[in-house]
Amino acid sequence: MSMNIETLLAQAGCGRDARTGALSTPIYQTATFEHPELGRSTGFDYSRTSNPTRLALEETLAAAEGGARGFAFGSGLAAIDCVLRLFQPGDRLVVTEDLYGGTFRILEKVFRPVGVEAIYVDTSRVELVAAALAQPGVRAVFLETPSNPLLKIADIRAIAALAQARGLLTIVDNTFLTFLLQRPLELGADIVVYSASKYLGGHNDVVAGALVARTPALAERLGFFQNSVGGVLGPQDAWLLLRGLKTLPLRLRQQQENARLIAEFLARHPRVSQVWYPGLPAHPGRDVLLGESAGCGAMIAFSVESAARVPDILKRVRVFRFAESLGGVESLITYPIAQTHADIPVDIRDRLGIHDRLLRLSVGIENVADLLADLEAVL
């Protein structure tokens, strides 16, 4: 029986313990598993390779995304590390230029020294991506869409078609929208990446990452690296992530509605010089996004007229919390140049527009009147 995704998520992990009838997936807090006899296994040998709690999560992620297999890791960067191990010295990747600082760091400080090179491109412009894909040695394109923090939109369908025509992989970081709003595998992507700490977990209480592969062959390669390197998610955190997934549709629906109202408020505010939110009519990527997704998400970036006002705003907010991360039920305000994007050199940040007047909001599920009042008070 096929189920709608809300039903699949609400019942994620249910009914996996036939012996006791436990409704919730048990937390199998064990490193190893006893063999019935020589040559026979329960299907589980050692929890680095597979654990029943993590397997319940990974199967849910694969089903929700529409992929061949899912993988859960100890962080989003551990998941990205696994993907990047597909490439060899001399290989090059075309990468979204305004992306999360941690992804930039692992590309530049960990993989470039061993010969895997990133070519950074404005992936909201298909013609620039096409030119970059034609360069020698390119093996894949890595898209972050919407991008972090400027919320630029890449045309996944068009770029994946270009990559496929050249026999290249398309990798999409889908953290901001999740499979509820954007389904990269159905648009032609090969691998979907998540910082599962964010919307998938949704409560700022677990650090996790995830991958979903479109094909069994690609899944086999990723599974080899996951087992060999061992940056896997533990059973307690896997259980927390399973629990978070159950309410994802409800949370994201409220977060997105709150974000729309807040973006419209900021766009009208005299002390806000610019707003980046794909749901606003003036956003340049709005039509592309609405053609490939079911919504615009709950992330907003905006700039104020003077950097001198930023410390006061961050100190005086009362409902928004000044913290890193995003996607949880609590609304957060972040200062990218000092937090999420501090590892990107200043000259690159300045060129991209990640400047000292830029603030980023992760909108939660609070009553929107309280969120608006908080912003009005500090602005």
Protein backbone atom coordinates (compact mmCIF):
# COMPACT_ATOMS: atom_id res chain seq x y z
CA MET A 1 0.00 0.00 0.00
CA SER A 2 1.42 3.39 -0.99
CA MET A 3 1.03 6.14 1.59
CA ASN A 4 1.12 9.90 1.49
CA ILE A 5 4.32 11.29 2.95
CA GLU A 6 2.59 12.71 6.05
CA THR A 7 1.34 9.21 6.91
CA LEU A 8 4.73 7.64 6.20
CA LEU A 9 6.46 10.09 8.53
CA ALA A 10 3.86 9.89 11.31
CA GLN A 11 4.33 6.12 11.41
CA ALA A 12 8.09 6.14 10.89
CA GLY A 13 9.62 3.19 12.72
CA CYS A 14 6.31 1.84 14.05
CA GLY A 15 5.82 -1.90 14.37
CA ARG A 16 9.46 -2.94 14.04
CA ASP A 17 9.56 -4.94 17.31
CA ALA A 18 7.33 -7.96 16.68
CA ARG A 19 8.39 -9.64 19.93
CA THR A 20 7.05 -6.96 22.29
CA GLY A 21 4.75 -4.96 20.04
CA ALA A 22 6.52 -1.72 21.01
CA LEU A 23 5.01 1.11 18.96
CA SER A 24 8.13 3.28 19.08
CA THR A 25 11.32 1.90 17.58
CA PRO A 26 13.47 0.67 20.48
CA ILE A 27 16.85 2.29 21.07
CA TYR A 28 19.29 -0.55 20.42
CA GLN A 29 22.10 0.79 22.57
CA THR A 30 24.54 -1.95 21.69
CA ALA A 31 27.84 -2.11 19.86
CA THR A 32 27.70 -5.76 18.88
CA PHE A 33 25.19 -8.56 18.26
CA GLU A 34 25.34 -12.24 19.17
CA HIS A 35 25.46 -14.81 16.35
CA PRO A 36 23.16 -17.85 16.72
CA GLU A 37 25.94 -20.12 15.42
CA LEU A 38 28.89 -20.13 13.05
CA GLY A 39 27.84 -18.92 9.61
CA ARG A 40 24.52 -17.46 10.78
CA SER A 41 23.69 -13.84 11.62
CA THR A 42 20.64 -11.96 12.82
CA GLY A 43 21.35 -9.47 10.05
CA PHE A 44 23.25 -7.27 12.47
CA ASP A 45 26.89 -7.78 13.42
CA TYR A 46 28.38 -4.49 14.63
CA SER A 47 26.67 -1.13 15.00
CA ARG A 48 29.15 0.77 12.86
CA THR A 49 27.95 -1.33 9.93
CA SER A 50 24.27 -1.35 10.87
CA ASN A 51 22.10 -0.86 13.92
CA PRO A 52 18.33 -1.56 14.08
CA THR A 53 17.45 1.94 15.28
CA ARG A 54 19.60 3.63 12.65
CA LEU A 55 18.28 1.26 9.99
CA ALA A 56 14.69 2.28 10.80
CA LEU A 57 15.71 5.90 10.28
CA GLU A 58 17.66 5.23 7.09
CA GLU A 59 14.78 3.27 5.55
CA THR A 60 12.39 6.09 6.42
CA LEU A 61 14.67 8.67 4.79
CA ALA A 62 14.99 6.60 1.61
CA ALA A 63 11.22 6.11 1.38
CA ALA A 64 10.49 9.79 2.06
CA GLU A 65 13.02 11.00 -0.51
CA GLY A 66 12.16 8.36 -3.10
CA GLY A 67 15.68 6.94 -3.25
CA ALA A 68 17.29 3.51 -3.29
CA ARG A 69 18.93 3.81 0.15
CA GLY A 70 19.44 6.28 2.95
CA PHE A 71 22.43 6.80 5.24
CA ALA A 72 22.61 8.52 8.63
CA PHE A 73 25.76 10.19 9.93
CA GLY A 74 27.01 11.92 13.05
CA SER A 75 26.69 15.35 11.37
CA GLY A 76 25.87 16.99 8.06
CA LEU A 77 29.58 17.51 7.41
CA ALA A 78 30.23 13.81 8.00
CA ALA A 79 27.62 13.12 5.31
CA ILE A 80 29.35 15.56 2.93
CA ASP A 81 32.71 13.97 3.73
CA CYS A 82 31.26 10.61 2.64
CA VAL A 83 30.05 12.07 -0.67
CA LEU A 84 33.39 13.71 -1.39
CA ARG A 85 35.17 10.36 -0.97
CA LEU A 86 33.63 9.35 -4.28
CA PHE A 87 36.23 11.57 -5.98
CA GLN A 88 39.94 11.09 -6.69
CA PRO A 89 42.94 13.44 -6.85
CA GLY A 90 42.59 15.51 -10.01
CA ASP A 91 38.79 15.48 -9.95
CA ARG A 92 36.93 18.79 -9.91
CA LEU A 93 33.45 19.73 -8.68
CA VAL A 94 31.31 22.68 -9.71
CA VAL A 95 29.94 24.10 -6.45
CA THR A 96 27.43 26.78 -5.41
CA GLU A 97 29.54 29.83 -4.56
CA ASP A 98 27.46 31.25 -1.68
CA LEU A 99 27.19 28.15 0.46
CA TYR A 100 27.45 27.16 4.11
CA GLY A 101 30.85 28.01 5.57
CA GLY A 102 31.41 24.49 6.90
CA THR A 103 31.02 23.04 3.41
CA PHE A 104 33.48 25.62 2.07
CA ARG A 105 35.91 24.67 4.86
CA ILE A 106 35.84 20.92 4.15
CA LEU A 107 36.25 21.54 0.41
CA GLU A 108 39.14 23.98 0.82
CA LYS A 109 40.96 22.72 3.92
CA VAL A 110 40.40 18.95 3.74
CA PHE A 111 39.81 17.90 0.11
CA ARG A 112 41.66 20.53 -1.95
CA PRO A 113 45.00 19.60 -0.29
CA VAL A 114 44.53 16.00 -1.46
CA GLY A 115 43.73 17.03 -5.02
CA VAL A 116 39.92 17.38 -5.19
CA GLU A 117 39.20 20.90 -6.44
CA ALA A 118 36.03 22.99 -6.13
CA ILE A 119 35.09 25.45 -8.89
CA TYR A 120 32.73 28.02 -7.34
CA VAL A 121 29.94 29.33 -9.55
CA ASP A 122 26.74 31.34 -9.18
CA THR A 123 24.53 28.29 -9.67
CA SER A 124 21.42 30.46 -10.03
CA ARG A 125 22.72 31.12 -13.56
CA VAL A 126 22.46 27.99 -15.66
CA GLU A 127 24.74 29.35 -18.39
CA LEU A 128 27.59 29.76 -15.88
CA VAL A 129 27.08 26.22 -14.62
CA ALA A 130 27.10 24.90 -18.19
CA ALA A 131 30.42 26.62 -18.90
CA ALA A 132 31.95 25.29 -15.68
CA LEU A 133 30.79 21.72 -16.34
CA ALA A 134 32.67 21.80 -19.65
CA GLN A 135 36.02 22.41 -17.93
CA PRO A 136 38.54 19.52 -17.87
CA GLY A 137 38.38 17.12 -14.94
CA VAL A 138 34.89 18.02 -13.73
CA ARG A 139 33.12 14.99 -12.26
CA ALA A 140 30.09 16.45 -10.45
CA VAL A 141 28.04 19.49 -9.56
CA PHE A 142 27.22 20.23 -5.93
CA LEU A 143 24.20 22.50 -5.50
CA GLU A 144 23.01 24.19 -2.33
CA THR A 145 19.54 25.50 -3.15
CA PRO A 146 18.23 27.70 -1.69
CA SER A 147 21.77 28.81 -0.92
CA ASN A 148 22.99 29.80 2.52
CA PRO A 149 22.59 32.62 3.44
CA LEU A 150 21.49 34.55 0.32
CA LEU A 151 18.76 32.10 -0.72
CA LYS A 152 19.70 31.97 -4.38
CA ILE A 153 17.81 29.36 -6.38
CA ALA A 154 19.37 26.83 -8.73
CA ASP A 155 17.35 25.21 -11.50
CA ILE A 156 17.92 21.60 -10.41
CA ARG A 157 16.13 20.07 -13.39
CA ALA A 158 18.11 22.04 -15.97
CA ILE A 159 21.48 21.59 -14.25
CA ALA A 160 20.95 17.87 -13.63
CA ALA A 161 20.15 17.42 -17.32
CA LEU A 162 23.39 19.18 -18.28
CA ALA A 163 25.37 17.01 -15.85
CA GLN A 164 23.71 13.81 -16.98
CA ALA A 165 24.50 14.56 -20.62
CA ARG A 166 28.19 14.64 -19.65
CA GLY A 167 28.01 11.58 -17.38
CA LEU A 168 28.50 13.69 -14.25
CA LEU A 169 26.89 13.39 -10.81
CA THR A 170 24.44 15.95 -9.44
CA ILE A 171 24.51 16.37 -5.66
CA VAL A 172 21.94 18.60 -3.94
CA ASP A 173 22.01 19.92 -0.39
CA ASN A 174 18.28 19.99 0.38
CA THR A 175 18.57 21.07 4.03
CA PHE A 176 16.52 24.28 3.71
CA LEU A 177 13.44 22.82 2.01
CA THR A 178 13.48 19.07 2.79
CA PHE A 179 11.75 16.40 0.73
CA LEU A 180 8.39 17.85 1.73
CA LEU A 181 8.92 20.94 -0.43
CA GLN A 182 11.65 19.99 -2.90
CA ARG A 183 12.42 16.53 -4.32
CA PRO A 184 15.81 16.65 -6.04
CA LEU A 185 15.92 12.97 -7.04
CA GLU A 186 12.71 13.42 -9.04
CA LEU A 187 14.32 16.44 -10.73
CA GLY A 188 17.32 14.40 -11.88
CA ALA A 189 19.75 14.58 -8.94
CA ASP A 190 21.82 11.54 -7.96
CA ILE A 191 22.48 12.24 -4.27
CA VAL A 192 20.62 14.36 -1.72
CA VAL A 193 22.50 15.73 1.30
CA TYR A 194 21.09 16.92 4.62
CA SER A 195 22.20 18.49 7.79
CA ALA A 196 19.56 16.48 9.61
CA SER A 197 20.16 18.57 12.74
CA LYS A 198 17.97 21.19 11.11
CA TYR A 199 14.38 20.68 9.86
CA LEU A 200 14.45 16.88 9.89
CA GLY A 201 15.23 16.79 13.62
CA GLY A 202 13.47 20.08 14.24
CA HIS A 203 14.10 20.57 17.96
CA ASN A 204 17.74 21.70 18.20
CA ASP A 205 18.52 18.62 20.30
CA VAL A 206 20.43 16.37 17.92
CA VAL A 207 23.39 16.74 15.56
CA ALA A 208 23.06 14.48 12.53
CA GLY A 209 23.54 14.23 8.79
CA ALA A 210 21.95 12.19 6.05
CA LEU A 211 22.40 11.09 2.45
CA VAL A 212 19.94 9.48 0.05
CA ALA A 213 21.19 7.84 -3.15
CA ARG A 214 19.04 7.49 -6.23
CA THR A 215 20.47 4.19 -7.51
CA PRO A 216 21.54 0.92 -5.84
CA ALA A 217 24.98 1.14 -7.48
CA LEU A 218 25.66 4.59 -6.03
CA ALA A 219 24.22 3.48 -2.67
CA GLU A 220 26.66 0.57 -2.58
CA ARG A 221 29.63 2.90 -3.01
CA LEU A 222 28.38 5.32 -0.33
CA GLY A 223 27.62 2.42 2.01
CA PHE A 224 31.21 1.20 1.64
CA PHE A 225 32.56 4.58 2.72
CA GLN A 226 30.05 4.93 5.56
CA ASN A 227 31.10 1.58 7.00
CA SER A 228 34.81 2.04 6.31
CA VAL A 229 35.14 5.54 7.80
CA GLY A 230 32.53 5.03 10.50
CA GLY A 231 31.10 8.51 11.02
CA VAL A 232 27.71 6.97 11.74
CA LEU A 233 24.80 8.23 13.83
CA GLY A 234 24.39 6.59 17.22
CA PRO A 235 21.14 4.83 18.19
CA GLN A 236 19.98 7.47 20.70
CA ASP A 237 20.36 10.25 18.14
CA ALA A 238 18.78 8.10 15.43
CA TRP A 239 15.75 7.66 17.69
CA LEU A 240 15.54 11.42 18.29
CA LEU A 241 15.67 12.04 14.56
CA LEU A 242 12.94 9.47 13.91
CA ARG A 243 10.78 11.21 16.49
CA GLY A 244 11.44 14.60 14.88
CA LEU A 245 10.43 13.38 11.43
CA LYS A 246 6.95 12.49 12.68
CA THR A 247 6.01 16.16 13.10
CA LEU A 248 7.98 17.63 10.19
CA PRO A 249 4.91 18.37 8.01
CA LEU A 250 3.14 20.21 10.84
CA ARG A 251 6.20 22.17 11.86
CA LEU A 252 7.25 23.19 8.38
CA ARG A 253 3.73 24.30 7.46
CA GLN A 254 3.64 26.72 10.42
CA GLN A 255 7.24 27.86 9.96
CA GLN A 256 6.64 28.65 6.30
CA GLU A 257 3.49 30.66 7.01
CA ASN A 258 5.27 32.61 9.75
CA ALA A 259 8.22 33.26 7.42
CA ARG A 260 6.00 34.64 4.68
CA LEU A 261 4.43 37.18 7.06
CA ILE A 262 7.80 38.15 8.54
CA ALA A 263 9.39 38.59 5.10
CA GLU A 264 6.54 40.85 4.02
CA PHE A 265 6.92 42.88 7.23
CA LEU A 266 10.68 43.28 6.74
CA ALA A 267 10.22 44.27 3.09
CA ARG A 268 8.04 47.18 4.21
CA HIS A 269 10.23 48.27 7.13
CA PRO A 270 12.06 51.60 6.65
CA ARG A 271 15.16 50.43 8.56
CA VAL A 272 15.63 47.28 6.46
CA SER A 273 17.57 47.92 3.27
CA GLN A 274 17.06 44.52 1.58
CA VAL A 275 15.25 41.22 2.16
CA TRP A 276 16.06 37.83 0.66
CA TYR A 277 13.14 35.39 0.73
CA PRO A 278 12.09 33.30 -2.30
CA GLY A 279 8.41 33.81 -1.53
CA LEU A 280 8.56 37.55 -2.19
CA PRO A 281 7.48 38.55 -5.72
CA ALA A 282 10.70 40.49 -6.29
CA HIS A 283 12.98 37.51 -5.57
CA PRO A 284 14.81 36.67 -8.83
CA GLY A 285 14.61 32.89 -8.31
CA ARG A 286 10.96 32.75 -7.28
CA ASP A 287 9.57 31.40 -10.54
CA VAL A 288 12.22 28.69 -10.83
CA LEU A 289 11.64 27.59 -7.25
CA LEU A 290 7.86 27.48 -7.56
CA GLY A 291 8.27 25.44 -10.73
CA GLU A 292 10.30 22.80 -8.88
CA SER A 293 9.02 22.88 -5.32
CA ALA A 294 5.89 22.99 -3.20
CA GLY A 295 6.92 25.99 -1.11
CA CYS A 296 9.53 28.59 -0.27
CA GLY A 297 10.70 27.45 3.15
CA ALA A 298 11.22 29.37 6.36
CA MET A 299 14.66 30.96 6.01
CA ILE A 300 15.01 34.73 5.56
CA ALA A 301 18.03 37.00 5.19
CA PHE A 302 17.90 40.77 5.52
CA SER A 303 20.26 43.69 5.80
CA VAL A 304 20.02 46.75 7.99
CA GLU A 305 21.19 50.20 7.01
CA SER A 306 24.23 50.25 9.32
CA ALA A 307 26.53 47.57 10.74
CA ALA A 308 26.71 49.62 13.93
CA ARG A 309 23.10 48.59 14.69
CA VAL A 310 23.76 44.85 14.53
CA PRO A 311 25.15 44.32 18.08
CA ASP A 312 22.15 46.09 19.60
CA ILE A 313 19.69 44.03 17.56
CA LEU A 314 21.36 40.77 18.59
CA LYS A 315 21.46 41.81 22.24
CA ARG A 316 17.86 43.03 22.48
CA VAL A 317 15.88 40.28 20.77
CA ARG A 318 13.68 38.39 23.23
CA VAL A 319 11.68 35.88 21.18
CA PHE A 320 14.27 35.24 18.50
CA ARG A 321 17.38 33.58 19.95
CA PHE A 322 20.85 34.71 18.87
CA ALA A 323 22.37 31.35 17.94
CA GLU A 324 23.76 29.31 15.09
CA SER A 325 21.86 26.56 13.29
CA LEU A 326 18.34 26.62 11.88
CA GLY A 327 15.19 24.62 11.28
CA GLY A 328 14.11 24.09 14.89
CA VAL A 329 10.81 25.00 16.50
CA GLU A 330 12.50 28.01 18.13
CA SER A 331 13.13 31.07 15.97
CA LEU A 332 16.82 31.98 15.66
CA ILE A 333 18.73 35.02 14.45
CA THR A 334 22.26 34.53 13.13
CA TYR A 335 25.07 36.89 12.10
CA PRO A 336 26.68 34.98 9.20
CA ILE A 337 30.05 36.77 9.04
CA ALA A 338 30.76 35.94 12.70
CA GLN A 339 29.10 32.52 12.85
CA THR A 340 28.10 30.27 9.95
CA HIS A 341 30.38 31.88 7.35
CA ALA A 342 33.34 32.99 9.44
CA ASP A 343 35.63 30.46 7.70
CA ILE A 344 35.08 32.06 4.30
CA PRO A 345 37.78 34.69 3.57
CA VAL A 346 36.60 38.29 3.85
CA ASP A 347 37.30 39.16 0.22
CA ILE A 348 35.12 36.26 -0.96
CA ARG A 349 32.34 37.17 1.48
CA ASP A 350 32.41 40.77 0.31
CA ARG A 351 32.23 39.75 -3.33
CA LEU A 352 29.24 37.48 -2.61
CA GLY A 353 27.40 40.08 -0.55
CA ILE A 354 27.79 38.34 2.82
CA HIS A 355 28.59 41.58 4.57
CA ASP A 356 28.56 43.09 8.06
CA ARG A 357 24.96 44.34 7.75
CA LEU A 358 23.49 40.92 6.90
CA LEU A 359 21.37 38.95 9.35
CA ARG A 360 19.71 35.56 8.86
CA LEU A 361 16.47 34.34 10.41
CA SER A 362 15.36 30.78 10.95
CA VAL A 363 11.64 31.15 11.62
CA GLY A 364 10.06 28.81 14.16
CA ILE A 365 6.54 27.82 15.15
CA GLU A 366 5.84 30.56 17.71
CA ASN A 367 2.85 32.85 17.40
CA VAL A 368 3.82 35.15 14.56
CA ALA A 369 2.50 38.23 16.40
CA ASP A 370 5.20 37.73 19.03
CA LEU A 371 7.89 37.32 16.40
CA LEU A 372 6.79 40.46 14.58
CA ALA A 373 6.64 42.43 17.80
CA ASP A 374 10.16 41.32 18.68
CA LEU A 375 11.55 42.48 15.34
CA GLU A 376 9.62 45.74 15.50
CA ALA A 377 11.08 46.45 18.94
CA VAL A 378 14.72 45.90 17.91
CA LEU A 379 14.42 47.61 14.53
